[in-house]
Protein backbone atom coordinates (compact mmCIF):
# COMPACT_ATOMS: atom_id res chain seq x y z
CA MET A 1 21.65 2.23 -28.26
CA ALA A 2 18.53 4.31 -28.88
CA LEU A 3 15.20 2.54 -28.49
CA PRO A 4 12.63 2.82 -31.31
CA MET A 5 9.72 5.04 -30.31
CA ASP A 6 7.28 4.16 -33.11
CA ASP A 7 4.89 2.83 -30.44
CA PRO A 8 5.45 4.11 -26.87
CA ALA A 9 3.19 1.32 -25.56
CA ASN A 10 5.99 -1.12 -26.38
CA HIS A 11 8.12 0.36 -23.59
CA HIS A 12 7.90 0.66 -19.82
CA LEU A 13 9.94 2.00 -16.91
CA GLY A 14 12.04 -1.16 -16.78
CA ASP A 15 13.63 -0.27 -20.13
CA PHE A 16 15.29 2.82 -18.69
CA TYR A 17 16.22 1.72 -15.18
CA PHE A 18 20.01 1.94 -15.54
CA GLY A 19 19.94 5.56 -16.65
CA HIS A 20 22.51 7.46 -18.69
CA GLU A 21 25.43 5.40 -19.99
CA THR A 22 28.20 7.69 -18.77
CA ASP A 23 26.72 10.32 -16.44
CA PRO A 24 24.60 9.26 -13.44
CA LEU A 25 23.42 12.85 -12.98
CA ARG A 26 21.81 13.09 -16.43
CA ALA A 27 18.49 11.63 -17.53
CA LEU A 28 18.65 8.96 -20.20
CA PRO A 29 17.64 10.66 -23.49
CA ASP A 30 15.56 7.64 -24.49
CA PHE A 31 13.53 8.03 -21.30
CA THR A 32 12.78 11.66 -22.06
CA GLN A 33 11.88 10.78 -25.64
CA TRP A 34 9.52 8.05 -24.39
CA ARG A 35 7.88 10.43 -21.93
CA ASN A 36 7.33 13.00 -24.67
CA ALA A 37 6.06 10.47 -27.23
CA ALA A 38 2.75 9.76 -25.48
CA PRO A 39 1.74 12.76 -23.35
CA ASP A 40 -1.89 11.63 -23.08
CA TYR A 41 -0.86 8.38 -21.40
CA HIS A 42 1.78 9.85 -19.11
CA ALA A 43 -0.70 12.52 -18.04
CA LEU A 44 -2.72 9.76 -16.37
CA VAL A 45 -0.20 9.44 -13.52
CA GLU A 46 0.54 11.95 -10.76
CA ARG A 47 -2.80 13.65 -11.26
CA ARG A 48 -3.25 16.97 -9.45
CA LEU A 49 -6.20 17.08 -7.09
CA ALA A 50 -8.35 20.20 -7.23
CA THR A 51 -10.37 19.37 -4.10
CA MET A 52 -9.98 17.08 -1.08
CA VAL A 53 -9.87 13.31 -1.49
CA GLY A 54 -13.12 11.39 -1.29
CA ALA A 55 -15.43 9.07 -3.19
CA ARG A 56 -16.17 12.15 -5.30
CA THR A 57 -13.35 14.59 -5.90
CA SER A 58 -11.98 16.91 -8.60
CA LEU A 59 -8.85 16.63 -10.70
CA PHE A 60 -7.10 18.97 -13.07
CA PHE A 61 -7.51 17.38 -16.47
CA GLY A 62 -6.97 19.19 -19.76
CA GLY A 63 -6.05 22.36 -17.86
CA GLU A 64 -9.33 22.55 -15.95
CA ALA A 65 -10.74 21.08 -12.75
CA GLN A 66 -13.04 18.15 -13.50
CA LYS A 67 -15.36 16.37 -11.08
CA VAL A 68 -14.65 12.65 -10.93
CA LEU A 69 -15.85 9.48 -9.28
CA ASN A 70 -12.78 8.26 -7.42
CA ILE A 71 -11.84 4.56 -7.52
CA ALA A 72 -8.11 5.22 -7.26
CA SER A 73 -7.48 6.64 -3.76
CA LEU A 74 -6.74 4.43 -0.75
CA ASP A 75 -9.26 6.18 1.50
CA TYR A 76 -10.59 2.80 2.63
CA LEU A 77 -12.70 4.00 5.56
CA GLY A 78 -13.78 7.29 3.98
CA LEU A 79 -12.10 9.38 6.70
CA ALA A 80 -10.19 11.82 4.47
CA SER A 81 -12.59 14.67 5.18
CA HIS A 82 -14.07 13.57 8.51
CA PRO A 83 -14.87 16.73 10.51
CA GLU A 84 -13.70 15.30 13.86
CA VAL A 85 -10.30 14.41 12.40
CA ILE A 86 -9.92 17.85 10.85
CA ALA A 87 -11.00 19.54 14.10
CA ALA A 88 -8.49 17.51 16.12
CA GLN A 89 -5.68 18.61 13.81
CA GLN A 90 -6.76 22.25 13.93
CA ALA A 91 -6.88 22.24 17.72
CA ALA A 92 -3.47 20.59 17.98
CA LEU A 93 -2.01 23.05 15.50
CA SER A 94 -2.99 25.88 17.85
CA ASP A 95 -1.68 24.04 20.91
CA TRP A 96 1.54 22.57 19.52
CA GLY A 97 2.50 24.68 16.50
CA ASN A 98 3.59 23.61 13.03
CA GLY A 99 5.95 20.74 13.70
CA SER A 100 8.04 18.78 16.15
CA ALA A 101 11.29 20.65 15.38
CA GLY A 102 13.38 17.62 16.26
CA VAL A 103 13.87 13.89 16.02
CA PRO A 104 11.98 11.71 18.53
CA LEU A 105 15.10 10.86 20.54
CA LEU A 106 16.00 14.49 21.17
CA SER A 107 13.27 17.13 21.12
CA GLY A 108 10.50 15.78 18.90
CA MET A 109 8.41 13.66 21.28
CA THR A 110 5.21 14.99 22.88
CA MET A 111 2.45 13.61 25.05
CA VAL A 112 0.29 13.38 21.89
CA HIS A 113 2.79 10.97 20.34
CA GLU A 114 2.84 8.89 23.52
CA GLU A 115 -0.95 8.79 23.63
CA LEU A 116 -1.09 7.42 20.08
CA GLN A 117 1.60 4.85 20.88
CA ASP A 118 -0.47 3.63 23.84
CA GLU A 119 -3.58 3.38 21.62
CA LEU A 120 -1.67 1.30 19.06
CA ASN A 121 -0.21 -0.96 21.76
CA ALA A 122 -3.75 -1.74 22.89
CA MET A 123 -4.88 -2.45 19.34
CA THR A 124 -1.96 -4.71 18.39
CA GLY A 125 -1.59 -6.43 21.75
CA LYS A 126 2.06 -5.33 21.99
CA GLN A 127 3.99 -3.34 24.58
CA GLY A 128 6.23 -1.20 22.37
CA THR A 129 5.25 1.05 19.46
CA LEU A 130 7.42 3.48 17.49
CA LEU A 131 6.02 6.13 15.12
CA PHE A 132 7.71 6.84 11.78
CA THR A 133 7.17 9.51 9.15
CA SER A 134 5.95 6.87 6.67
CA GLY A 135 5.33 3.16 6.39
CA PHE A 136 8.22 2.97 3.93
CA SER A 137 10.63 4.45 6.47
CA ALA A 138 9.29 2.11 9.16
CA ALA A 139 10.07 -0.93 7.02
CA ILE A 140 13.54 0.30 6.14
CA GLY A 141 14.21 1.26 9.75
CA VAL A 142 13.30 -2.17 11.09
CA CYS A 143 15.54 -3.88 8.53
CA ILE A 144 18.52 -1.62 9.24
CA ALA A 145 18.11 -2.07 12.99
CA LEU A 146 17.65 -5.84 13.09
CA LEU A 147 19.40 -7.35 10.06
CA HIS A 148 23.10 -7.50 9.21
CA ARG A 149 25.49 -9.06 6.74
CA GLY A 150 25.29 -12.86 7.06
CA ASP A 151 21.62 -12.80 8.02
CA VAL A 152 18.90 -14.05 5.69
CA ALA A 153 15.57 -12.27 5.22
CA ILE A 154 12.97 -14.54 3.61
CA LEU A 155 10.25 -12.53 1.90
CA ASP A 156 7.08 -13.47 0.11
CA GLU A 157 7.89 -12.85 -3.56
CA ARG A 158 5.20 -10.13 -3.67
CA ALA A 159 6.32 -8.32 -0.52
CA HIS A 160 6.31 -4.53 -0.72
CA MET A 161 9.30 -2.73 -2.23
CA SER A 162 10.02 -1.04 1.11
CA TRP A 163 11.09 -4.40 2.56
CA ILE A 164 13.20 -5.26 -0.49
CA ASP A 165 15.01 -1.94 -0.23
CA GLY A 166 15.34 -2.31 3.53
CA VAL A 167 16.92 -5.76 3.31
CA ARG A 168 19.35 -4.56 0.64
CA LEU A 169 20.39 -1.59 2.78
CA SER A 170 20.93 -3.84 5.80
CA GLY A 171 23.43 -6.04 3.95
CA ALA A 172 21.45 -9.21 4.69
CA LYS A 173 20.79 -11.80 2.00
CA LEU A 174 17.41 -11.41 0.32
CA VAL A 175 15.55 -14.66 -0.38
CA THR A 176 11.99 -15.02 -1.65
CA PHE A 177 9.46 -17.82 -1.40
CA ALA A 178 6.49 -18.50 -3.69
CA HIS A 179 3.54 -16.26 -2.96
CA ASN A 180 1.47 -17.45 0.01
CA ASP A 181 3.04 -20.93 -0.26
CA PRO A 182 3.84 -22.58 3.12
CA ALA A 183 5.82 -25.43 1.48
CA SER A 184 8.04 -22.95 -0.38
CA LEU A 185 8.60 -21.03 2.86
CA ASP A 186 9.52 -24.25 4.67
CA GLU A 187 12.03 -25.10 1.95
CA ALA A 188 13.67 -21.65 2.18
CA LEU A 189 13.89 -21.81 5.96
CA THR A 190 15.45 -25.27 5.77
CA ARG A 191 17.96 -24.21 3.10
CA TYR A 192 19.27 -21.41 5.32
CA LYS A 193 18.96 -23.17 8.67
CA ASP A 194 22.53 -22.25 9.65
CA ASN A 195 21.91 -18.50 9.35
CA ARG A 196 20.07 -15.99 11.47
CA ARG A 197 16.71 -15.70 9.69
CA CYS A 198 13.48 -13.77 9.72
CA VAL A 199 10.38 -13.93 7.53
CA ILE A 200 8.57 -10.90 6.11
CA ILE A 201 5.09 -10.96 4.60
CA ASP A 202 2.23 -8.58 3.86
CA GLY A 203 -1.07 -9.12 5.61
CA LEU A 204 -2.91 -7.87 2.52
CA TYR A 205 -1.08 -7.58 -0.80
CA SER A 206 -1.38 -4.13 -2.33
CA MET A 207 -1.55 -5.11 -6.00
CA ASP A 208 -3.51 -8.36 -5.84
CA GLY A 209 -5.83 -7.70 -2.92
CA ASP A 210 -5.37 -11.16 -1.42
CA PHE A 211 -4.68 -11.93 2.23
CA ALA A 212 -1.76 -13.98 3.49
CA PRO A 213 -2.56 -17.41 5.02
CA LEU A 214 -1.02 -16.04 8.19
CA ASP A 215 -1.94 -18.86 10.56
CA THR A 216 -0.47 -21.51 8.24
CA LEU A 217 2.71 -19.52 7.62
CA LEU A 218 3.13 -19.00 11.36
CA ASP A 219 2.96 -22.76 11.88
CA VAL A 220 5.91 -23.07 9.50
CA THR A 221 7.98 -20.32 11.10
CA ASP A 222 7.23 -21.62 14.60
CA ALA A 223 8.45 -25.08 13.57
CA HIS A 224 11.78 -23.51 12.59
CA GLY A 225 11.95 -21.21 15.60
CA VAL A 226 12.01 -18.14 13.36
CA GLY A 227 10.14 -14.87 13.90
CA ILE A 228 7.83 -13.21 11.41
CA ILE A 229 7.24 -9.55 10.50
CA VAL A 230 3.77 -8.75 9.14
CA ASP A 231 3.19 -5.63 7.05
CA GLU A 232 -0.45 -4.67 7.68
CA ALA A 233 -0.28 -1.40 5.70
CA HIS A 234 -3.42 -2.14 3.64
CA SER A 235 -5.30 -4.14 6.27
CA VAL A 236 -4.74 -2.30 9.55
CA PHE A 237 -7.77 -0.25 10.68
CA ALA A 238 -9.80 -1.75 7.77
CA ASP A 239 -9.80 -5.39 8.90
CA GLY A 240 -10.27 -7.19 12.20
CA PRO A 241 -12.96 -6.92 14.92
CA SER A 242 -11.49 -3.67 16.28
CA GLY A 243 -9.32 -2.64 13.32
CA GLY A 244 -6.23 -4.66 14.22
CA GLY A 245 -5.90 -6.07 10.72
CA LEU A 246 -5.54 -9.65 9.54
CA THR A 247 -3.42 -10.44 12.62
CA GLU A 248 -6.31 -9.60 14.92
CA ARG A 249 -8.97 -11.24 12.74
CA LEU A 250 -7.07 -14.55 12.84
CA ASN A 251 -6.31 -14.11 16.56
CA GLU A 252 -2.56 -14.28 15.94
CA ARG A 253 -1.41 -11.16 17.79
CA GLN A 254 0.82 -13.12 20.14
CA ARG A 255 2.60 -15.19 17.50
CA VAL A 256 3.42 -12.25 15.22
CA ARG A 257 6.73 -10.86 16.47
CA VAL A 258 6.79 -7.49 14.67
CA TYR A 259 3.70 -5.70 13.39
CA MET A 260 4.00 -2.83 10.90
CA GLY A 261 1.23 -0.49 9.79
CA THR A 262 0.58 2.84 8.12
CA PHE A 263 -1.80 5.74 8.61
CA SER A 264 -1.90 6.68 4.91
CA LYS A 265 -4.45 4.12 3.70
CA ALA A 266 -7.48 3.39 5.87
CA LEU A 267 -7.03 6.58 7.92
CA SER A 268 -6.11 8.82 4.96
CA LEU A 269 -3.35 10.59 6.90
CA VAL A 270 0.42 10.09 6.82
CA GLY A 271 3.02 8.13 8.78
CA GLY A 272 3.76 4.59 9.85
CA PHE A 273 4.45 2.54 12.95
CA ILE A 274 5.88 -0.70 14.23
CA SER A 275 4.63 -2.56 17.30
CA THR A 276 6.50 -5.34 19.04
CA ASP A 277 7.59 -6.40 22.53
CA ALA A 278 8.91 -3.65 24.77
CA ALA A 279 12.54 -4.79 24.78
CA LEU A 280 12.78 -5.10 21.00
CA ALA A 281 11.04 -1.76 20.48
CA ASP A 282 13.55 -0.14 22.80
CA TYR A 283 16.40 -1.69 20.81
CA ILE A 284 14.97 -0.58 17.45
CA ARG A 285 14.54 2.94 18.83
CA TYR A 286 18.32 3.43 18.83
CA TYR A 287 19.31 1.58 15.65
CA ALA A 288 16.55 2.35 13.12
CA HIS A 289 18.15 5.21 11.19
CA PRO A 290 14.90 6.64 9.73
CA TYR A 291 13.65 6.95 13.32
CA VAL A 292 16.89 8.26 14.80
CA PHE A 293 17.63 10.82 12.08
CA SER A 294 14.19 11.97 10.86
CA GLY A 295 12.07 14.69 12.39
CA ALA A 296 9.13 13.34 14.38
CA LEU A 297 5.64 13.50 12.94
CA PRO A 298 4.05 16.93 13.58
CA PRO A 299 1.84 16.85 16.71
CA SER A 300 -1.13 18.10 14.69
CA THR A 301 -0.81 15.13 12.34
CA VAL A 302 -0.53 12.76 15.31
CA ALA A 303 -3.64 14.30 16.88
CA GLY A 304 -5.53 13.68 13.64
CA ILE A 305 -4.34 10.08 13.56
CA LEU A 306 -5.40 9.59 17.17
CA ALA A 307 -8.88 10.97 16.41
CA ALA A 308 -9.18 8.75 13.32
CA VAL A 309 -8.10 5.64 15.27
CA ARG A 310 -10.75 6.30 17.92
CA ILE A 311 -13.47 6.88 15.32
CA MET A 312 -12.46 3.64 13.64
CA ARG A 313 -12.45 1.64 16.88
CA ASN A 314 -15.82 3.00 18.02
CA ASP A 315 -17.65 2.52 14.71
CA ASN A 316 -17.60 -0.96 13.16
CA ARG A 317 -20.07 0.16 10.50
CA ARG A 318 -17.31 1.66 8.36
CA ARG A 319 -15.45 -1.64 8.16
CA GLU A 320 -18.70 -3.49 7.48
CA ARG A 321 -19.64 -1.07 4.69
CA LEU A 322 -16.15 -1.39 3.22
CA ARG A 323 -16.43 -5.18 3.08
CA ASP A 324 -19.94 -5.03 1.60
CA ASN A 325 -18.89 -2.52 -1.06
CA ALA A 326 -15.82 -4.57 -1.96
CA ASP A 327 -17.79 -7.82 -2.29
CA TYR A 328 -20.42 -6.11 -4.43
CA MET A 329 -17.86 -4.52 -6.77
CA ARG A 330 -15.73 -7.64 -7.11
CA ASN A 331 -18.71 -9.87 -7.91
CA ALA A 332 -20.00 -7.36 -10.44
CA LEU A 333 -16.64 -7.07 -12.20
CA GLN A 334 -16.37 -10.84 -12.39
CA SER A 335 -19.90 -11.06 -13.80
CA LEU A 336 -18.73 -8.77 -16.63
CA GLY A 337 -16.09 -11.34 -17.51
CA LEU A 338 -13.14 -9.42 -16.06
CA ASP A 339 -10.15 -11.06 -14.41
CA THR A 340 -9.88 -9.81 -10.81
CA GLY A 341 -7.09 -12.22 -9.90
CA ASN A 342 -7.15 -13.55 -6.35
CA SER A 343 -8.68 -10.44 -4.78
CA GLN A 344 -10.41 -11.01 -1.44
CA SER A 345 -10.59 -7.42 -0.29
CA TRP A 346 -11.13 -3.75 -1.08
CA ILE A 347 -8.19 -3.87 -3.48
CA ILE A 348 -9.55 -5.26 -6.76
CA PRO A 349 -7.31 -5.57 -9.83
CA ILE A 350 -8.73 -5.63 -13.35
CA ILE A 351 -6.03 -7.55 -15.20
CA PHE A 352 -5.24 -6.81 -18.87
CA GLY A 353 -2.56 -9.46 -19.42
CA ASN A 354 0.24 -7.83 -21.41
CA ARG A 355 -1.98 -5.36 -23.27
CA ARG A 356 -0.53 -2.09 -22.01
CA ASP A 357 -2.07 -0.29 -24.97
CA ILE A 358 -5.61 -1.31 -23.96
CA LEU A 359 -4.88 -0.57 -20.29
CA PHE A 360 -3.78 3.02 -20.82
CA GLU A 361 -6.44 3.78 -23.40
CA SER A 362 -9.13 2.37 -21.09
CA VAL A 363 -7.91 4.51 -18.19
CA ARG A 364 -7.85 7.56 -20.46
CA GLN A 365 -11.40 6.87 -21.61
CA LEU A 366 -12.55 6.41 -18.00
CA MET A 367 -11.01 9.76 -17.12
CA MET A 368 -12.80 11.43 -20.02
CA ARG A 369 -16.06 10.01 -18.63
CA GLY A 370 -15.34 11.31 -15.13
CA VAL A 371 -14.01 8.14 -13.46
CA TYR A 372 -10.59 8.38 -11.80
CA ALA A 373 -8.84 4.99 -12.02
CA ALA A 374 -5.21 4.02 -11.42
CA PRO A 375 -3.18 2.16 -14.09
CA VAL A 376 -0.47 -0.17 -12.76
CA ASP A 377 2.33 -1.13 -15.12
CA TYR A 378 5.53 -3.17 -15.01
CA PRO A 379 7.72 -3.25 -12.92
CA ALA A 380 5.14 -2.71 -10.15
CA VAL A 381 3.53 -5.92 -11.46
CA SER A 382 4.74 -8.54 -13.92
CA GLU A 383 4.69 -7.68 -17.64
CA ASP A 384 1.83 -10.09 -18.33
CA GLN A 385 -0.30 -8.80 -15.44
CA VAL A 386 -0.70 -5.05 -16.07
CA ARG A 387 -3.89 -3.75 -14.53
CA ILE A 388 -6.24 -1.14 -13.21
CA ARG A 389 -6.19 -1.22 -9.42
CA VAL A 390 -9.69 -0.46 -8.17
CA ALA A 391 -9.66 0.82 -4.59
CA ILE A 392 -13.00 0.59 -2.78
CA SER A 393 -13.98 2.91 0.07
CA ALA A 394 -16.61 2.84 2.80
CA GLY A 395 -17.44 6.30 1.44
CA HIS A 396 -18.70 4.86 -1.85
CA THR A 397 -22.45 4.51 -2.24
CA ARG A 398 -24.03 1.70 -4.22
CA ASP A 399 -24.92 4.29 -6.88
CA ASP A 400 -21.23 5.26 -7.09
CA LEU A 401 -20.24 1.66 -7.70
CA ASP A 402 -22.96 1.10 -10.29
CA GLU A 403 -21.90 4.24 -12.14
CA ALA A 404 -18.29 3.06 -12.20
CA LEU A 405 -19.38 -0.37 -13.43
CA ASN A 406 -21.38 1.12 -16.29
CA HIS A 407 -18.36 3.07 -17.51
CA ILE A 408 -16.03 0.09 -17.01
CA GLU A 409 -18.33 -2.05 -19.16
CA ASP A 410 -18.02 0.45 -22.02
CA THR A 411 -14.34 1.34 -21.74
CA VAL A 412 -12.76 -1.90 -20.47
CA VAL A 413 -15.02 -4.85 -21.26
CA VAL A 414 -15.66 -3.86 -24.89
CA PRO A 415 -12.00 -3.54 -25.99
CA LEU A 416 -10.97 -6.66 -24.05
CA ARG A 417 -13.79 -8.60 -25.68
CA GLN A 418 -12.74 -7.35 -29.11
CA ALA A 419 -9.18 -8.50 -28.36
CA GLY A 420 -10.45 -11.90 -27.17
CA LEU A 421 -9.07 -11.26 -23.70
CA LEU A 422 -12.06 -11.43 -21.41
CA PHE A 423 -11.36 -13.76 -18.53
CA LYS A 424 -14.74 -15.36 -19.10
CA GLU A 425 -17.89 -14.41 -20.88
CA ALA A 426 -20.73 -13.28 -18.65
């Protein structure tokens, strides 16, 4: 049945998930009609960069490159254009060539890869680290290697999609517990006490910007004799005394059984990793299909990651500046009456309730004013929690943040006030 397209804002990606009724290799006509019905709104996603990522960058908008203040990119430590990182990659490109030309198990491993693994072992307090081509593939690989039909994976209900897909691929039963709720976790572990179980959480949640109560959740899993996997994708390198994430900050490196991280957020590169005990890492090496059957990260990329890790570990000022910027921005947004949810970090949502129309028009207006912001719609978040996700960087100056706030006041606060949807009046 065709969906009415009188107002494209009434629809979202969830309406078209099951695709064409009879042919899986054809796009659903309603989806194409929806995409064509509101080109201004759909043009806000998958923007094309005209220059390198940074607090200030350029995007193609309206057919031309436009300078923008960037509050959308996950360049948490401001390393995207760091000259030492770029130089390390250029030198490695000359020494090692374009790529690895093989999977890690066969011909793709180099001494550069091993050097990075050793650096990550030291940071996480583990003895075994494996490098993957992305954090997503790391999560899926761990699930495929360790979980099987009859097992139960107990996930925080807001765990990243990579873990949901990974559990489904493994054949294990997927169970969720209420977000950051130790009692709900305890109940789920008790309910499935006769199964092999593991628990999977994020250290820092990518849409809400809140940290997991890791120490309390570990007390629960320890009481049941069950291991925990922590996804530190958005917290590793940005949090902790030496960049070891929430796990390090709470001094829980020994109790966390499997540690996962990425290089694509705080380091602004690409790839992912898992760190665990040496025996388990050796086991995963042979059974994680994305590791076994994917080409290894190019040595030049690995050299850049290694340089970025060392810059991060030797310079605490970037993490300090990131925290200061995030606290300043969050407090200012709240003082404008905006709902920032439970954010505790450099990820700060501005929540619009279910007003998708105001969300997309606000983002469009911000773009017209030279502020690059990211709209987040259902099903990435619930239908009554659509939002702008503000991503703060150590590269932002206080003037950058004040400029963004001035535009947000005009383009977000005003329409939400008119709709009676401000979280609170300033």
